[in-house]
Amino acid sequence: MSNFKRMHIIAGTLAIIFLVWMFPKCWEVLNTNWQKGIGFTAGIAMGGYMLGCVVGLLLNLILHLFHK
C-alpha cells in the first residue's frame, strides 16, 4: 500500500470515529442552533481528519525508518 493511501485511510477512519464518538453533542448543538451545529460537526470531522493525517505521516515515517 502506498504511503499516501495509508495516510488517507487512517485519516478517514479517525474522522468517522470522532463523528460517531461526538454524535450526542453534535445532535444537542444541532437542535439548539442548526448553523452552529453544522459548524461544530464540520470542525469535528476536519479536526479528526487532520489528526489522522498526522498519525498517518508519523506511521509512514516509522515504517520508512525501520524498513531500511
PDB file of N, CA and C in Angstrom:
ATOM      1  N   MET A   1       0.853  -1.170   0.000  1.00  0.00           N
ATOM      2  CA  MET A   1       0.000   0.000   0.000  1.00  0.00           C
ATOM      3  C   MET A   1       0.899   1.234   0.000  1.00  0.00           C
ATOM      4  N   SER A   2       0.525   2.213  -0.775  1.00  0.00           N
ATOM      5  CA  SER A   2       1.342   3.424  -0.854  1.00  0.00           C
ATOM      6  C   SER A   2       1.173   4.265   0.415  1.00  0.00           C
ATOM      7  N   ASN A   3       2.161   5.082   0.678  1.00  0.00           N
ATOM      8  CA  ASN A   3       2.137   5.926   1.874  1.00  0.00           C
ATOM      9  C   ASN A   3       0.969   6.892   1.850  1.00  0.00           C
ATOM     10  N   PHE A   4       0.698   7.463   0.674  1.00  0.00           N
ATOM     11  CA  PHE A   4      -0.390   8.422   0.531  1.00  0.00           C
ATOM     12  C   PHE A   4      -1.737   7.773   0.832  1.00  0.00           C
ATOM     13  N   LYS A   5      -1.936   6.581   0.319  1.00  0.00           N
ATOM     14  CA  LYS A   5      -3.196   5.867   0.532  1.00  0.00           C
ATOM     15  C   LYS A   5      -3.345   5.474   2.002  1.00  0.00           C
ATOM     16  N   ARG A   6      -2.265   4.999   2.613  1.00  0.00           N
ATOM     17  CA  ARG A   6      -2.299   4.598   4.022  1.00  0.00           C
ATOM     18  C   ARG A   6      -2.670   5.782   4.904  1.00  0.00           C
ATOM     19  N   MET A   7      -2.079   6.947   4.624  1.00  0.00           N
ATOM     20  CA  MET A   7      -2.348   8.133   5.425  1.00  0.00           C
ATOM     21  C   MET A   7      -3.826   8.523   5.331  1.00  0.00           C
ATOM     22  N   HIS A   8      -4.401   8.488   4.134  1.00  0.00           N
ATOM     23  CA  HIS A   8      -5.795   8.908   3.971  1.00  0.00           C
ATOM     24  C   HIS A   8      -6.778   7.875   4.519  1.00  0.00           C
ATOM     25  N   ILE A   9      -6.429   6.619   4.502  1.00  0.00           N
ATOM     26  CA  ILE A   9      -7.289   5.605   5.127  1.00  0.00           C
ATOM     27  C   ILE A   9      -7.333   5.819   6.633  1.00  0.00           C
ATOM     28  N   ILE A  10      -6.174   6.069   7.236  1.00  0.00           N
ATOM     29  CA  ILE A  10      -6.130   6.333   8.683  1.00  0.00           C
ATOM     30  C   ILE A  10      -6.888   7.613   9.009  1.00  0.00           C
ATOM     31  N   ALA A  11      -6.700   8.658   8.202  1.00  0.00           N
ATOM     32  CA  ALA A  11      -7.357   9.944   8.458  1.00  0.00           C
ATOM     33  C   ALA A  11      -8.874   9.825   8.341  1.00  0.00           C
ATOM     34  N   GLY A  12      -9.358   9.168   7.312  1.00  0.00           N
ATOM     35  CA  GLY A  12     -10.801   8.998   7.142  1.00  0.00           C
ATOM     36  C   GLY A  12     -11.418   8.172   8.249  1.00  0.00           C
ATOM     37  N   THR A  13     -10.713   7.151   8.660  1.00  0.00           N
ATOM     38  CA  THR A  13     -11.206   6.310   9.748  1.00  0.00           C
ATOM     39  C   THR A  13     -11.298   7.098  11.048  1.00  0.00           C
ATOM     40  N   LEU A  14     -10.275   7.885  11.350  1.00  0.00           N
ATOM     41  CA  LEU A  14     -10.314   8.694  12.570  1.00  0.00           C
ATOM     42  C   LEU A  14     -11.407   9.753  12.519  1.00  0.00           C
ATOM     43  N   ALA A  15     -11.633  10.350  11.359  1.00  0.00           N
ATOM     44  CA  ALA A  15     -12.704  11.341  11.236  1.00  0.00           C
ATOM     45  C   ALA A  15     -14.060  10.704  11.520  1.00  0.00           C
ATOM     46  N   ILE A  16     -14.292   9.516  10.986  1.00  0.00           N
ATOM     47  CA  ILE A  16     -15.563   8.811  11.230  1.00  0.00           C
ATOM     48  C   ILE A  16     -15.693   8.436  12.700  1.00  0.00           C
ATOM     49  N   ILE A  17     -14.608   7.955  13.301  1.00  0.00           N
ATOM     50  CA  ILE A  17     -14.641   7.584  14.726  1.00  0.00           C
ATOM     51  C   ILE A  17     -14.968   8.803  15.581  1.00  0.00           C
ATOM     52  N   PHE A  18     -14.351   9.959  15.279  1.00  0.00           N
ATOM     53  CA  PHE A  18     -14.627  11.163  16.053  1.00  0.00           C
ATOM     54  C   PHE A  18     -16.077  11.610  15.886  1.00  0.00           C
ATOM     55  N   LEU A  19     -16.612  11.507  14.670  1.00  0.00           N
ATOM     56  CA  LEU A  19     -18.011  11.893  14.455  1.00  0.00           C
ATOM     57  C   LEU A  19     -18.966  10.986  15.224  1.00  0.00           C
ATOM     58  N   VAL A  20     -18.707   9.696  15.233  1.00  0.00           N
ATOM     59  CA  VAL A  20     -19.562   8.758  15.978  1.00  0.00           C
ATOM     60  C   VAL A  20     -19.435   9.009  17.477  1.00  0.00           C
ATOM     61  N   TRP A  21     -18.211   9.259  17.933  1.00  0.00           N
ATOM     62  CA  TRP A  21     -17.961   9.485  19.347  1.00  0.00           C
ATOM     63  C   TRP A  21     -18.664  10.755  19.845  1.00  0.00           C
ATOM     64  N   MET A  22     -18.652  11.804  19.031  1.00  0.00           N
ATOM     65  CA  MET A  22     -19.227  13.088  19.431  1.00  0.00           C
ATOM     66  C   MET A  22     -20.663  13.289  18.938  1.00  0.00           C
ATOM     67  N   PHE A  23     -21.301  12.247  18.420  1.00  0.00           N
ATOM     68  CA  PHE A  23     -22.649  12.391  17.871  1.00  0.00           C
ATOM     69  C   PHE A  23     -23.654  12.960  18.864  1.00  0.00           C
ATOM     70  N   PRO A  24     -23.687  12.514  20.129  1.00  0.00           N
ATOM     71  CA  PRO A  24     -24.679  13.105  21.047  1.00  0.00           C
ATOM     72  C   PRO A  24     -24.501  14.619  21.223  1.00  0.00           C
ATOM     73  N   LYS A  25     -23.261  15.066  21.326  1.00  0.00           N
ATOM     74  CA  LYS A  25     -23.003  16.505  21.463  1.00  0.00           C
ATOM     75  C   LYS A  25     -23.379  17.244  20.178  1.00  0.00           C
ATOM     76  N   CYS A  26     -23.057  16.643  19.022  1.00  0.00           N
ATOM     77  CA  CYS A  26     -23.431  17.253  17.739  1.00  0.00           C
ATOM     78  C   CYS A  26     -24.942  17.398  17.634  1.00  0.00           C
ATOM     79  N   TRP A  27     -25.661  16.379  18.026  1.00  0.00           N
ATOM     80  CA  TRP A  27     -27.121  16.407  17.939  1.00  0.00           C
ATOM     81  C   TRP A  27     -27.699  17.474  18.865  1.00  0.00           C
ATOM     82  N   GLU A  28     -27.102  17.603  20.049  1.00  0.00           N
ATOM     83  CA  GLU A  28     -27.553  18.610  21.002  1.00  0.00           C
ATOM     84  C   GLU A  28     -27.349  20.024  20.442  1.00  0.00           C
ATOM     85  N   VAL A  29     -26.180  20.276  19.847  1.00  0.00           N
ATOM     86  CA  VAL A  29     -25.897  21.594  19.278  1.00  0.00           C
ATOM     87  C   VAL A  29     -26.767  21.838  18.049  1.00  0.00           C
ATOM     88  N   LEU A  30     -27.004  20.805  17.234  1.00  0.00           N
ATOM     89  CA  LEU A  30     -27.872  20.953  16.062  1.00  0.00           C
ATOM     90  C   LEU A  30     -29.301  21.308  16.454  1.00  0.00           C
ATOM     91  N   ASN A  31     -29.790  20.703  17.538  1.00  0.00           N
ATOM     92  CA  ASN A  31     -31.149  21.017  17.991  1.00  0.00           C
ATOM     93  C   ASN A  31     -31.255  22.430  18.553  1.00  0.00           C
ATOM     94  N   THR A  32     -30.191  22.928  19.133  1.00  0.00           N
ATOM     95  CA  THR A  32     -30.190  24.275  19.689  1.00  0.00           C
ATOM     96  C   THR A  32     -30.129  25.324  18.584  1.00  0.00           C
ATOM     97  N   ASN A  33     -29.128  25.201  17.707  1.00  0.00           N
ATOM     98  CA  ASN A  33     -28.933  26.159  16.621  1.00  0.00           C
ATOM     99  C   ASN A  33     -28.296  25.400  15.467  1.00  0.00           C
ATOM    100  N   TRP A  34     -29.028  25.248  14.371  1.00  0.00           N
ATOM    101  CA  TRP A  34     -28.547  24.387  13.289  1.00  0.00           C
ATOM    102  C   TRP A  34     -27.293  24.937  12.616  1.00  0.00           C
ATOM    103  N   GLN A  35     -27.127  26.256  12.575  1.00  0.00           N
ATOM    104  CA  GLN A  35     -25.938  26.819  11.937  1.00  0.00           C
ATOM    105  C   GLN A  35     -24.685  26.542  12.764  1.00  0.00           C
ATOM    106  N   LYS A  36     -24.778  26.736  14.059  1.00  0.00           N
ATOM    107  CA  LYS A  36     -23.647  26.405  14.926  1.00  0.00           C
ATOM    108  C   LYS A  36     -23.404  24.899  14.948  1.00  0.00           C
ATOM    109  N   GLY A  37     -24.473  24.134  14.861  1.00  0.00           N
ATOM    110  CA  GLY A  37     -24.345  22.674  14.852  1.00  0.00           C
ATOM    111  C   GLY A  37     -23.608  22.163  13.634  1.00  0.00           C
ATOM    112  N   ILE A  38     -23.896  22.748  12.472  1.00  0.00           N
ATOM    113  CA  ILE A  38     -23.195  22.337  11.254  1.00  0.00           C
ATOM    114  C   ILE A  38     -21.724  22.708  11.353  1.00  0.00           C
ATOM    115  N   GLY A  39     -21.437  23.885  11.869  1.00  0.00           N
ATOM    116  CA  GLY A  39     -20.041  24.293  12.050  1.00  0.00           C
ATOM    117  C   GLY A  39     -19.311  23.409  13.040  1.00  0.00           C
ATOM    118  N   PHE A  40     -19.993  23.057  14.120  1.00  0.00           N
ATOM    119  CA  PHE A  40     -19.405  22.187  15.138  1.00  0.00           C
ATOM    120  C   PHE A  40     -19.108  20.804  14.564  1.00  0.00           C
ATOM    121  N   THR A  41     -20.061  20.257  13.826  1.00  0.00           N
ATOM    122  CA  THR A  41     -19.885  18.942  13.218  1.00  0.00           C
ATOM    123  C   THR A  41     -18.761  18.957  12.185  1.00  0.00           C
ATOM    124  N   ALA A  42     -18.707  19.997  11.369  1.00  0.00           N
ATOM    125  CA  ALA A  42     -17.636  20.110  10.377  1.00  0.00           C
ATOM    126  C   ALA A  42     -16.282  20.253  11.057  1.00  0.00           C
ATOM    127  N   GLY A  43     -16.235  20.990  12.149  1.00  0.00           N
ATOM    128  CA  GLY A  43     -14.985  21.146  12.894  1.00  0.00           C
ATOM    129  C   GLY A  43     -14.480  19.832  13.453  1.00  0.00           C
ATOM    130  N   ILE A  44     -15.399  19.024  13.963  1.00  0.00           N
ATOM    131  CA  ILE A  44     -15.011  17.714  14.489  1.00  0.00           C
ATOM    132  C   ILE A  44     -14.484  16.825  13.363  1.00  0.00           C
ATOM    133  N   ALA A  45     -15.173  16.829  12.236  1.00  0.00           N
ATOM    134  CA  ALA A  45     -14.755  15.996  11.107  1.00  0.00           C
ATOM    135  C   ALA A  45     -13.391  16.437  10.575  1.00  0.00           C
ATOM    136  N   MET A  46     -13.210  17.735  10.396  1.00  0.00           N
ATOM    137  CA  MET A  46     -11.931  18.221   9.868  1.00  0.00           C
ATOM    138  C   MET A  46     -10.805  18.029  10.868  1.00  0.00           C
ATOM    139  N   GLY A  47     -11.086  18.247  12.137  1.00  0.00           N
ATOM    140  CA  GLY A  47     -10.074  18.027  13.169  1.00  0.00           C
ATOM    141  C   GLY A  47      -9.663  16.564  13.246  1.00  0.00           C
ATOM    142  N   GLY A  48     -10.635  15.663  13.170  1.00  0.00           N
ATOM    143  CA  GLY A  48     -10.324  14.232  13.173  1.00  0.00           C
ATOM    144  C   GLY A  48      -9.516  13.825  11.958  1.00  0.00           C
ATOM    145  N   TYR A  49      -9.855  14.408  10.816  1.00  0.00           N
ATOM    146  CA  TYR A  49      -9.130  14.083   9.582  1.00  0.00           C
ATOM    147  C   TYR A  49      -7.690  14.590   9.653  1.00  0.00           C
ATOM    148  N   MET A  50      -7.506  15.807  10.153  1.00  0.00           N
ATOM    149  CA  MET A  50      -6.150  16.356  10.270  1.00  0.00           C
ATOM    150  C   MET A  50      -5.325  15.555  11.273  1.00  0.00           C
ATOM    151  N   LEU A  51      -5.934  15.158  12.384  1.00  0.00           N
ATOM    152  CA  LEU A  51      -5.226  14.318  13.352  1.00  0.00           C
ATOM    153  C   LEU A  51      -4.850  12.991  12.713  1.00  0.00           C
ATOM    154  N   GLY A  52      -5.746  12.436  11.917  1.00  0.00           N
ATOM    155  CA  GLY A  52      -5.450  11.192  11.214  1.00  0.00           C
ATOM    156  C   GLY A  52      -4.318  11.353  10.217  1.00  0.00           C
ATOM    157  N   CYS A  53      -4.248  12.503   9.559  1.00  0.00           N
ATOM    158  CA  CYS A  53      -3.137  12.763   8.635  1.00  0.00           C
ATOM    159  C   CYS A  53      -1.813  12.799   9.384  1.00  0.00           C
ATOM    160  N   VAL A  54      -1.798  13.432  10.540  1.00  0.00           N
ATOM    161  CA  VAL A  54      -0.569  13.488  11.340  1.00  0.00           C
ATOM    162  C   VAL A  54      -0.176  12.089  11.809  1.00  0.00           C
ATOM    163  N   VAL A  55      -1.143  11.317  12.285  1.00  0.00           N
ATOM    164  CA  VAL A  55      -0.859   9.949  12.721  1.00  0.00           C
ATOM    165  C   VAL A  55      -0.362   9.118  11.543  1.00  0.00           C
ATOM    166  N   GLY A  56      -0.987   9.261  10.390  1.00  0.00           N
ATOM    167  CA  GLY A  56      -0.552   8.531   9.201  1.00  0.00           C
ATOM    168  C   GLY A  56       0.845   8.918   8.765  1.00  0.00           C
ATOM    169  N   LEU A  57       1.166  10.211   8.822  1.00  0.00           N
ATOM    170  CA  LEU A  57       2.515  10.650   8.478  1.00  0.00           C
ATOM    171  C   LEU A  57       3.546  10.078   9.449  1.00  0.00           C
ATOM    172  N   LEU A  58       3.220  10.083  10.742  1.00  0.00           N
ATOM    173  CA  LEU A  58       4.145   9.508  11.719  1.00  0.00           C
ATOM    174  C   LEU A  58       4.326   8.008  11.508  1.00  0.00           C
ATOM    175  N   LEU A  59       3.246   7.312  11.198  1.00  0.00           N
ATOM    176  CA  LEU A  59       3.336   5.888  10.932  1.00  0.00           C
ATOM    177  C   LEU A  59       4.175   5.618   9.692  1.00  0.00           C
ATOM    178  N   ASN A  60       3.971   6.402   8.649  1.00  0.00           N
ATOM    179  CA  ASN A  60       4.773   6.242   7.438  1.00  0.00           C
ATOM    180  C   ASN A  60       6.242   6.531   7.705  1.00  0.00           C
ATOM    181  N   LEU A  61       6.527   7.514   8.537  1.00  0.00           N
ATOM    182  CA  LEU A  61       7.910   7.826   8.883  1.00  0.00           C
ATOM    183  C   LEU A  61       8.550   6.673   9.649  1.00  0.00           C
ATOM    184  N   ILE A  62       7.825   6.127  10.602  1.00  0.00           N
ATOM    185  CA  ILE A  62       8.344   4.999  11.377  1.00  0.00           C
ATOM    186  C   ILE A  62       8.578   3.796  10.473  1.00  0.00           C
ATOM    187  N   LEU A  63       7.620   3.507   9.593  1.00  0.00           N
ATOM    188  CA  LEU A  63       7.791   2.388   8.670  1.00  0.00           C
ATOM    189  C   LEU A  63       8.965   2.613   7.737  1.00  0.00           C
ATOM    190  N   HIS A  64       9.155   3.842   7.289  1.00  0.00           N
ATOM    191  CA  HIS A  64      10.261   4.171   6.391  1.00  0.00           C
ATOM    192  C   HIS A  64      11.605   3.994   7.110  1.00  0.00           C
ATOM    193  N   LEU A  65      11.678   4.438   8.363  1.00  0.00           N
ATOM    194  CA  LEU A  65      12.938   4.326   9.106  1.00  0.00           C
ATOM    195  C   LEU A  65      13.299   2.874   9.413  1.00  0.00           C
ATOM    196  N   PHE A  66      12.317   2.062   9.761  1.00  0.00           N
ATOM    197  CA  PHE A  66      12.599   0.681  10.121  1.00  0.00           C
ATOM    198  C   PHE A  66      12.679  -0.247   8.911  1.00  0.00           C
ATOM    199  N   HIS A  67      12.216   0.215   7.757  1.00  0.00           N
ATOM    200  CA  HIS A  67      12.285  -0.608   6.567  1.00  0.00           C
ATOM    201  C   HIS A  67      13.710  -0.701   6.049  1.00  0.00           C
ATOM    202  N   LYS A  68      14.452   0.369   6.225  1.00  0.00           N
ATOM    203  CA  LYS A  68      15.837   0.396   5.742  1.00  0.00           C
ATOM    204  C   LYS A  68      16.739  -0.081   6.802  1.00  0.00           C
TER     205      LYS A  68
END
